[in-house]
Amino acid sequence: MSNASDRQHRITVYEPVTVDDEYGGKETTYKEHAARWAQVMPPTFREQQAQGAPMNREQIQIKLTPPDRNILRGWQIKWQDDVYEVDACDNTYRDRTLIVAHYLNPGE
């Protein structure tokens, strides 16, 4: 179990919302769900293949205590002025939520 001294990072969680655009289509925007103190593990880098070329992908792991069972895959998290997209959200623990998110490059 983590204590308050482990939650040293301020994050903001954004929920995707689908709205109508001016051309009659749909677009996804994000509205703020919550601003929380969280424990953020140091970023890790995963090497992947993208169209045959190697690329690095920055991932972070976040521990939220108390848990937030509303957060889902595809939501966004802002941490230290960078935006990350939630890849996985583990709510199997009674006392915390574990989140794995990757860094969003502009244009992705």
Protein backbone atom coordinates (compact mmCIF):
# COMPACT_ATOMS: atom_id res chain seq x y z
CA MET A 1 0.00 0.00 0.00
CA SER A 2 1.30 3.43 -0.84
CA ASN A 3 1.19 6.42 1.45
CA ALA A 4 0.76 10.12 0.77
CA SER A 5 4.51 10.71 0.38
CA ASP A 6 4.54 8.39 -2.68
CA ARG A 7 1.95 10.54 -4.48
CA GLN A 8 4.28 13.35 -5.51
CA HIS A 9 3.11 14.02 -9.06
CA ARG A 10 0.10 16.05 -10.15
CA ILE A 11 -1.74 14.52 -13.10
CA THR A 12 -4.88 15.54 -14.93
CA VAL A 13 -7.12 12.85 -16.41
CA TYR A 14 -9.18 13.63 -19.53
CA GLU A 15 -12.22 11.71 -20.73
CA PRO A 16 -12.95 11.44 -24.48
CA VAL A 17 -16.20 13.02 -25.65
CA THR A 18 -17.65 12.67 -29.14
CA VAL A 19 -19.21 15.87 -30.50
CA ASP A 20 -20.65 16.99 -33.81
CA ASP A 21 -18.34 18.99 -36.05
CA GLU A 22 -19.40 21.80 -38.39
CA TYR A 23 -19.49 19.41 -41.39
CA GLY A 24 -22.09 17.00 -39.95
CA GLY A 25 -19.50 14.46 -38.82
CA LYS A 26 -18.16 13.52 -35.44
CA GLU A 27 -14.93 14.42 -33.71
CA THR A 28 -13.38 13.45 -30.39
CA THR A 29 -12.53 16.10 -27.84
CA TYR A 30 -11.42 15.64 -24.25
CA LYS A 31 -12.94 17.05 -21.08
CA GLU A 32 -11.27 17.09 -17.69
CA HIS A 33 -12.33 14.16 -15.51
CA ALA A 34 -10.10 14.75 -12.48
CA ALA A 35 -6.88 16.34 -11.27
CA ARG A 36 -5.14 14.00 -8.85
CA TRP A 37 -1.94 13.41 -6.93
CA ALA A 38 -0.42 10.14 -8.11
CA GLN A 39 2.64 7.95 -7.93
CA VAL A 40 4.27 7.97 -11.38
CA MET A 41 6.99 5.42 -12.06
CA PRO A 42 9.96 6.61 -14.17
CA PRO A 43 9.31 6.42 -17.92
CA THR A 44 10.40 3.29 -19.77
CA PHE A 45 11.07 2.94 -23.45
CA ARG A 46 9.81 0.06 -25.58
CA GLU A 47 11.22 -0.59 -29.01
CA GLN A 48 8.64 -1.47 -31.64
CA GLN A 49 8.42 -1.89 -35.38
CA ALA A 50 6.39 0.62 -37.37
CA GLN A 51 6.08 -0.20 -41.06
CA GLY A 52 9.37 -2.07 -40.89
CA ALA A 53 11.30 0.72 -39.14
CA PRO A 54 12.26 0.53 -35.46
CA MET A 55 10.85 3.22 -33.19
CA ASN A 56 10.91 3.91 -29.48
CA ARG A 57 7.77 4.37 -27.45
CA GLU A 58 7.82 6.08 -24.06
CA GLN A 59 5.54 4.51 -21.45
CA ILE A 60 4.70 5.48 -17.90
CA GLN A 61 3.01 3.58 -15.10
CA ILE A 62 0.74 5.43 -12.70
CA LYS A 63 -0.65 4.30 -9.37
CA LEU A 64 -3.78 6.07 -8.12
CA THR A 65 -4.77 5.71 -4.47
CA PRO A 66 -7.71 5.75 -3.78
CA PRO A 67 -8.78 3.98 -6.98
CA ASP A 68 -10.71 5.56 -9.86
CA ARG A 69 -12.77 2.88 -11.58
CA ASN A 70 -14.06 5.25 -14.27
CA ILE A 71 -10.77 5.58 -16.20
CA LEU A 72 -10.69 3.49 -19.38
CA ARG A 73 -8.39 2.72 -22.30
CA GLY A 74 -8.24 5.64 -24.72
CA TRP A 75 -8.47 8.34 -22.05
CA GLN A 76 -5.65 10.89 -21.82
CA ILE A 77 -3.41 11.93 -18.96
CA LYS A 78 -1.41 15.14 -18.73
CA TRP A 79 1.75 14.91 -16.64
CA GLN A 80 4.59 17.45 -16.60
CA ASP A 81 3.12 19.27 -19.64
CA ASP A 82 3.17 16.07 -21.73
CA VAL A 83 0.09 14.15 -22.87
CA TYR A 84 -0.15 10.36 -22.59
CA GLU A 85 -2.83 7.98 -23.82
CA VAL A 86 -4.06 5.21 -21.52
CA ASP A 87 -3.20 1.76 -22.90
CA ALA A 88 -4.36 -0.30 -19.93
CA CYS A 89 -6.16 0.34 -16.67
CA ASP A 90 -6.07 -2.32 -13.93
CA ASN A 91 -8.83 -2.05 -11.34
CA THR A 92 -8.45 -5.51 -9.84
CA TYR A 93 -6.94 -4.09 -6.65
CA ARG A 94 -9.34 -2.85 -4.01
CA ASP A 95 -7.13 0.02 -2.84
CA ARG A 96 -5.60 1.38 -6.07
CA THR A 97 -5.82 1.76 -9.84
CA LEU A 98 -2.78 0.98 -11.98
CA ILE A 99 -2.50 2.70 -15.36
CA VAL A 100 -0.09 2.13 -18.25
CA ALA A 101 0.03 5.00 -20.75
CA HIS A 102 2.18 5.97 -23.74
CA TYR A 103 3.43 9.39 -24.79
CA LEU A 104 1.47 11.05 -27.59
CA ASN A 105 3.62 12.70 -30.21
CA PRO A 106 2.03 15.74 -31.83
CA GLY A 107 0.32 14.55 -34.99
CA GLU A 108 -0.42 11.03 -33.70
